C-alpha atoms as a PDB file:
ATOM      1  CA  ASN A   1     -19.987 -58.570  15.033  1.00  0.00           C
ATOM      2  CA  THR A   2     -18.022 -56.483  12.516  1.00  0.00           C
ATOM      3  CA  LEU A   3     -20.175 -53.380  13.014  1.00  0.00           C
ATOM      4  CA  GLU A   4     -19.660 -53.439  16.785  1.00  0.00           C
ATOM      5  CA  ALA A   5     -15.913 -53.930  16.355  1.00  0.00           C
ATOM      6  CA  THR A   6     -15.748 -51.004  13.925  1.00  0.00           C
ATOM      7  CA  LEU A   7     -17.690 -48.786  16.326  1.00  0.00           C
ATOM      8  CA  ALA A   8     -15.480 -49.807  19.252  1.00  0.00           C
ATOM      9  CA  ASP A   9     -12.258 -49.147  17.339  1.00  0.00           C
ATOM     10  CA  PRO A  10     -13.017 -47.104  14.204  1.00  0.00           C
ATOM     11  CA  PRO A  11     -10.402 -47.152  11.426  1.00  0.00           C
ATOM     12  CA  LEU A  12      -9.641 -43.448  11.687  1.00  0.00           C
ATOM     13  CA  ARG A  13      -6.776 -41.625  10.099  1.00  0.00           C
ATOM     14  CA  LYS A  14      -3.941 -40.660  12.400  1.00  0.00           C
ATOM     15  CA  ALA A  15      -5.006 -36.991  12.346  1.00  0.00           C
ATOM     16  CA  ALA A  16      -8.494 -37.913  13.575  1.00  0.00           C
ATOM     17  CA  ARG A  17      -6.985 -39.405  16.733  1.00  0.00           C
ATOM     18  CA  ARG A  18      -5.226 -36.135  17.616  1.00  0.00           C
ATOM     19  CA  LYS A  19      -6.668 -33.398  19.728  1.00  0.00           C
ATOM     20  CA  PRO A  20      -8.738 -31.117  17.476  1.00  0.00           C
ATOM     21  CA  GLU A  21      -6.616 -28.071  18.312  1.00  0.00           C
ATOM     22  CA  LYS A  22      -3.422 -29.826  17.227  1.00  0.00           C
ATOM     23  CA  ALA A  23      -4.981 -31.161  14.031  1.00  0.00           C
ATOM     24  CA  LEU A  24      -6.398 -27.731  13.178  1.00  0.00           C
ATOM     25  CA  ALA A  25      -3.112 -25.977  13.926  1.00  0.00           C
ATOM     26  CA  LYS A  26      -1.230 -28.411  11.686  1.00  0.00           C
ATOM     27  CA  ALA A  27      -3.770 -28.002   8.875  1.00  0.00           C
ATOM     28  CA  LEU A  28      -3.498 -24.209   9.095  1.00  0.00           C
ATOM     29  CA  ARG A  29       0.309 -24.368   9.033  1.00  0.00           C
ATOM     30  CA  LYS A  30       0.089 -26.409   5.827  1.00  0.00           C
ATOM     31  CA  GLU A  31      -2.384 -23.966   4.244  1.00  0.00           C
ATOM     32  CA  SER A  32      -0.231 -21.044   5.310  1.00  0.00           C
ATOM     33  CA  GLY A  33       2.876 -22.637   3.808  1.00  0.00           C
ATOM     34  CA  ARG A  34       1.087 -23.361   0.545  1.00  0.00           C
ATOM     35  CA  LEU A  35      -0.093 -19.763   0.390  1.00  0.00           C
ATOM     36  CA  ALA A  36       3.445 -18.513   1.019  1.00  0.00           C
ATOM     37  CA  ARG A  37       4.812 -20.670  -1.798  1.00  0.00           C
ATOM     38  CA  ARG A  38       2.129 -19.480  -4.219  1.00  0.00           C
ATOM     39  CA  VAL A  39       2.713 -15.806  -3.432  1.00  0.00           C
ATOM     40  CA  GLU A  40       6.497 -16.112  -3.639  1.00  0.00           C
ATOM     41  CA  ARG A  41       6.245 -17.995  -6.933  1.00  0.00           C
ATOM     42  CA  ALA A  42       3.969 -15.279  -8.366  1.00  0.00           C
ATOM     43  CA  LEU A  43       6.146 -12.408  -7.168  1.00  0.00           C
ATOM     44  CA  ALA A  44       9.233 -14.025  -8.713  1.00  0.00           C
ATOM     45  CA  LEU A  45       7.703 -13.873 -12.202  1.00  0.00           C
ATOM     46  CA  GLU A  46       7.981 -10.966 -14.614  1.00  0.00           C
ATOM     47  CA  SER A  47       4.829  -8.933 -15.137  1.00  0.00           C
ATOM     48  CA  GLY A  48       2.639 -10.480 -17.816  1.00  0.00           C
ATOM     49  CA  PRO A  49       0.077 -13.221 -18.434  1.00  0.00           C
ATOM     50  CA  GLU A  50       2.014 -15.922 -16.550  1.00  0.00           C
ATOM     51  CA  ARG A  51       2.291 -13.692 -13.494  1.00  0.00           C
ATOM     52  CA  ASP A  52      -1.375 -12.720 -13.801  1.00  0.00           C
ATOM     53  CA  THR A  53      -2.299 -16.409 -13.642  1.00  0.00           C
ATOM     54  CA  ALA A  54       0.052 -17.041 -10.709  1.00  0.00           C
ATOM     55  CA  LEU A  55      -1.374 -14.062  -8.806  1.00  0.00           C
ATOM     56  CA  HIS A  56      -4.885 -15.397  -9.430  1.00  0.00           C
ATOM     57  CA  GLU A  57      -3.843 -18.800  -8.049  1.00  0.00           C
ATOM     58  CA  ALA A  58      -2.354 -17.039  -5.015  1.00  0.00           C
ATOM     59  CA  ARG A  59      -5.637 -15.166  -4.526  1.00  0.00           C
ATOM     60  CA  LYS A  60      -7.594 -18.422  -4.549  1.00  0.00           C
ATOM     61  CA  LYS A  61      -5.145 -19.906  -2.034  1.00  0.00           C
ATOM     62  CA  ALA A  62      -5.435 -16.785   0.160  1.00  0.00           C
ATOM     63  CA  LYS A  63      -9.209 -17.157   0.125  1.00  0.00           C
ATOM     64  CA  ARG A  64      -8.994 -20.834   1.064  1.00  0.00           C
ATOM     65  CA  THR A  65      -6.504 -20.081   3.842  1.00  0.00           C
ATOM     66  CA  ARG A  66      -8.668 -17.263   5.165  1.00  0.00           C
ATOM     67  CA  TYR A  67     -11.799 -19.412   5.282  1.00  0.00           C
ATOM     68  CA  ALA A  68      -9.932 -22.274   6.958  1.00  0.00           C
ATOM     69  CA  ALA A  69      -8.532 -19.904   9.586  1.00  0.00           C
ATOM     70  CA  GLU A  70     -11.953 -18.360  10.188  1.00  0.00           C
ATOM     71  CA  ALA A  71     -13.426 -21.835  10.689  1.00  0.00           C
ATOM     72  CA  ALA A  72     -10.686 -22.683  13.214  1.00  0.00           C
ATOM     73  CA  ARG A  73     -10.989 -19.399  15.098  1.00  0.00           C
ATOM     74  CA  SER A  74     -13.126 -20.697  17.972  1.00  0.00           C
ATOM     75  CA  ALA A  75     -10.667 -23.532  18.640  1.00  0.00           C
ATOM     76  CA  LEU A  76      -7.376 -21.700  18.034  1.00  0.00           C
ATOM     77  CA  GLY A  77      -8.209 -18.118  18.972  1.00  0.00           C
ATOM     78  CA  LYS A  78      -5.758 -15.310  18.285  1.00  0.00           C
ATOM     79  CA  LYS A  79      -3.423 -17.247  15.961  1.00  0.00           C
ATOM     80  CA  ALA A  80      -6.282 -18.256  13.673  1.00  0.00           C
ATOM     81  CA  ARG A  81      -7.686 -14.720  13.717  1.00  0.00           C
ATOM     82  CA  ARG A  82      -4.286 -13.299  12.768  1.00  0.00           C
ATOM     83  CA  LEU A  83      -3.899 -15.790   9.926  1.00  0.00           C
ATOM     84  CA  ALA A  84      -7.405 -14.971   8.661  1.00  0.00           C
ATOM     85  CA  ASP A  85      -6.600 -11.251   8.802  1.00  0.00           C
ATOM     86  CA  ASP A  86      -3.284 -11.734   6.980  1.00  0.00           C
ATOM     87  CA  ALA A  87      -4.895 -13.870   4.283  1.00  0.00           C
ATOM     88  CA  LYS A  88      -7.681 -11.317   3.861  1.00  0.00           C
ATOM     89  CA  SER A  89      -5.193  -8.462   3.516  1.00  0.00           C
ATOM     90  CA  LEU A  90      -3.503 -10.410   0.696  1.00  0.00           C
ATOM     91  CA  GLN A  91      -6.746 -11.552  -0.862  1.00  0.00           C
ATOM     92  CA  ARG A  92      -8.030  -7.997  -1.325  1.00  0.00           C
ATOM     93  CA  PRO A  93      -5.265  -6.631  -3.608  1.00  0.00           C
ATOM     94  CA  LEU A  94      -4.944  -9.952  -5.402  1.00  0.00           C
ATOM     95  CA  GLY A  95      -8.675  -9.798  -6.099  1.00  0.00           C
ATOM     96  CA  GLU A  96      -8.377  -6.229  -7.349  1.00  0.00           C
ATOM     97  CA  HIS A  97      -5.597  -7.342  -9.665  1.00  0.00           C
ATOM     98  CA  GLN A  98      -7.691 -10.218 -11.010  1.00  0.00           C
ATOM     99  CA  ASP A  99     -10.641  -7.868 -11.533  1.00  0.00           C
ATOM    100  CA  SER A 100      -8.341  -5.689 -13.629  1.00  0.00           C
ATOM    101  CA  VAL A 101      -7.144  -8.677 -15.658  1.00  0.00           C
ATOM    102  CA  MET A 102     -10.738  -9.613 -16.444  1.00  0.00           C
ATOM    103  CA  ALA A 103     -11.731  -6.009 -17.187  1.00  0.00           C
ATOM    104  CA  ARG A 104      -8.820  -5.642 -19.611  1.00  0.00           C
ATOM    105  CA  GLN A 105      -9.846  -8.813 -21.426  1.00  0.00           C
ATOM    106  CA  ALA A 106     -13.399  -7.483 -21.774  1.00  0.00           C
ATOM    107  CA  LEU A 107     -12.187  -4.054 -22.899  1.00  0.00           C
ATOM    108  CA  ARG A 108      -9.885  -5.605 -25.494  1.00  0.00           C
ATOM    109  CA  SER A 109     -12.795  -7.625 -26.857  1.00  0.00           C
ATOM    110  CA  LEU A 110     -15.078  -4.573 -26.921  1.00  0.00           C
ATOM    111  CA  ALA A 111     -12.416  -2.567 -28.747  1.00  0.00           C
ATOM    112  CA  GLN A 112     -12.053  -5.325 -31.338  1.00  0.00           C
ATOM    113  CA  ASP A 113     -15.817  -5.452 -31.819  1.00  0.00           C
ATOM    114  CA  ALA A 114     -15.923  -1.672 -32.222  1.00  0.00           C
ATOM    115  CA  GLY A 115     -13.135  -1.820 -34.794  1.00  0.00           C
ATOM    116  CA  LYS A 116     -14.931  -4.522 -36.793  1.00  0.00           C
ATOM    117  CA  ALA A 117     -18.088  -2.386 -36.750  1.00  0.00           C
ATOM    118  CA  GLY A 118     -16.148   0.627 -38.018  1.00  0.00           C
ATOM    119  CA  GLU A 119     -16.548   2.468 -34.706  1.00  0.00           C
ATOM    120  CA  SER A 120     -13.925   4.314 -32.708  1.00  0.00           C
ATOM    121  CA  GLN A 121     -11.819   2.199 -30.363  1.00  0.00           C
ATOM    122  CA  PHE A 122     -10.370   5.201 -28.558  1.00  0.00           C
ATOM    123  CA  THR A 123     -12.629   5.087 -25.479  1.00  0.00           C
ATOM    124  CA  TRP A 124     -11.974   1.379 -24.992  1.00  0.00           C
ATOM    125  CA  GLY A 125      -8.255   2.055 -25.240  1.00  0.00           C
ATOM    126  CA  VAL A 126      -8.415   4.822 -22.635  1.00  0.00           C
ATOM    127  CA  LEU A 127     -10.319   2.543 -20.244  1.00  0.00           C
ATOM    128  CA  TYR A 128      -7.860  -0.275 -20.935  1.00  0.00           C
ATOM    129  CA  GLY A 129      -4.977   2.053 -20.092  1.00  0.00           C
ATOM    130  CA  ARG A 130      -6.584   2.999 -16.785  1.00  0.00           C
ATOM    131  CA  GLU A 131      -7.072  -0.653 -15.878  1.00  0.00           C
ATOM    132  CA  GLU A 132      -3.497  -1.419 -16.874  1.00  0.00           C
ATOM    133  CA  LYS A 133      -2.248   1.377 -14.614  1.00  0.00           C
ATOM    134  CA  ALA A 134      -4.431   0.203 -11.707  1.00  0.00           C
ATOM    135  CA  ALA A 135      -3.063  -3.334 -12.088  1.00  0.00           C
ATOM    136  CA  ALA A 136       0.516  -2.045 -12.207  1.00  0.00           C
ATOM    137  CA  LEU A 137      -0.005  -0.036  -9.009  1.00  0.00           C
ATOM    138  CA  THR A 138      -1.511  -3.038  -7.249  1.00  0.00           C
ATOM    139  CA  GLU A 139       1.340  -5.270  -8.427  1.00  0.00           C
ATOM    140  CA  ALA A 140       3.920  -2.707  -7.322  1.00  0.00           C
ATOM    141  CA  ALA A 141       2.452  -2.642  -3.799  1.00  0.00           C
ATOM    142  CA  LEU A 142       2.419  -6.433  -3.381  1.00  0.00           C
ATOM    143  CA  PRO A 143       6.117  -6.961  -2.509  1.00  0.00           C
ATOM    144  CA  ALA A 144       5.891  -4.514   0.413  1.00  0.00           C
ATOM    145  CA  ARG A 145       2.703  -6.133   1.669  1.00  0.00           C
ATOM    146  CA  TRP A 146       4.319  -9.545   1.340  1.00  0.00           C
ATOM    147  CA  ALA A 147       7.430  -8.347   3.202  1.00  0.00           C
ATOM    148  CA  ASP A 148       5.143  -7.474   6.122  1.00  0.00           C
ATOM    149  CA  ILE A 149       2.931 -10.572   6.051  1.00  0.00           C
ATOM    150  CA  GLY A 150       5.200 -13.233   4.550  1.00  0.00           C
ATOM    151  CA  PRO A 151       7.341 -13.938   7.611  1.00  0.00           C
ATOM    152  CA  ARG A 152       4.217 -14.863   9.585  1.00  0.00           C
ATOM    153  CA  LEU A 153       2.932 -17.180   6.848  1.00  0.00           C
ATOM    154  CA  ARG A 154       6.130 -19.024   5.949  1.00  0.00           C
ATOM    155  CA  PRO A 155       6.611 -22.347   7.734  1.00  0.00           C
ATOM    156  CA  LYS A 156       9.068 -22.162  10.621  1.00  0.00           C
ATOM    157  CA  GLY A 157      12.228 -24.187  10.450  1.00  0.00           C
END
């Protein structure tokens, strides 16, 4: 019977035949490497819209890496916890940066609406400037944070 044969020897992928700890460790190494590449790509860009987008992509990858590491924590212990902590410490400033990008877009739109209505745009401009400064400070701190965390996230070899 085909069903019995399939149950006796299921057509599993190679990774499914490995010990769970090894499969999880390999998956986390891949996620970690992808995160490292995203962050390094973003940090290599000049400040501006392209870098903003790359930093947002890095934030999403940090979140994914963090959640994967948290899910693997019971099987992998300290290494998974450390990876989750590292990803979280990257995710936080990257999220703050993205919040600033979105706030600046909204402020720009509000200023344009105010201008069309014949109202003052000054307040919107002041708020925009504050957001711009906050984003610049966050961006300026990222290379140092990456210098601390990056070596642990980059693939070995």
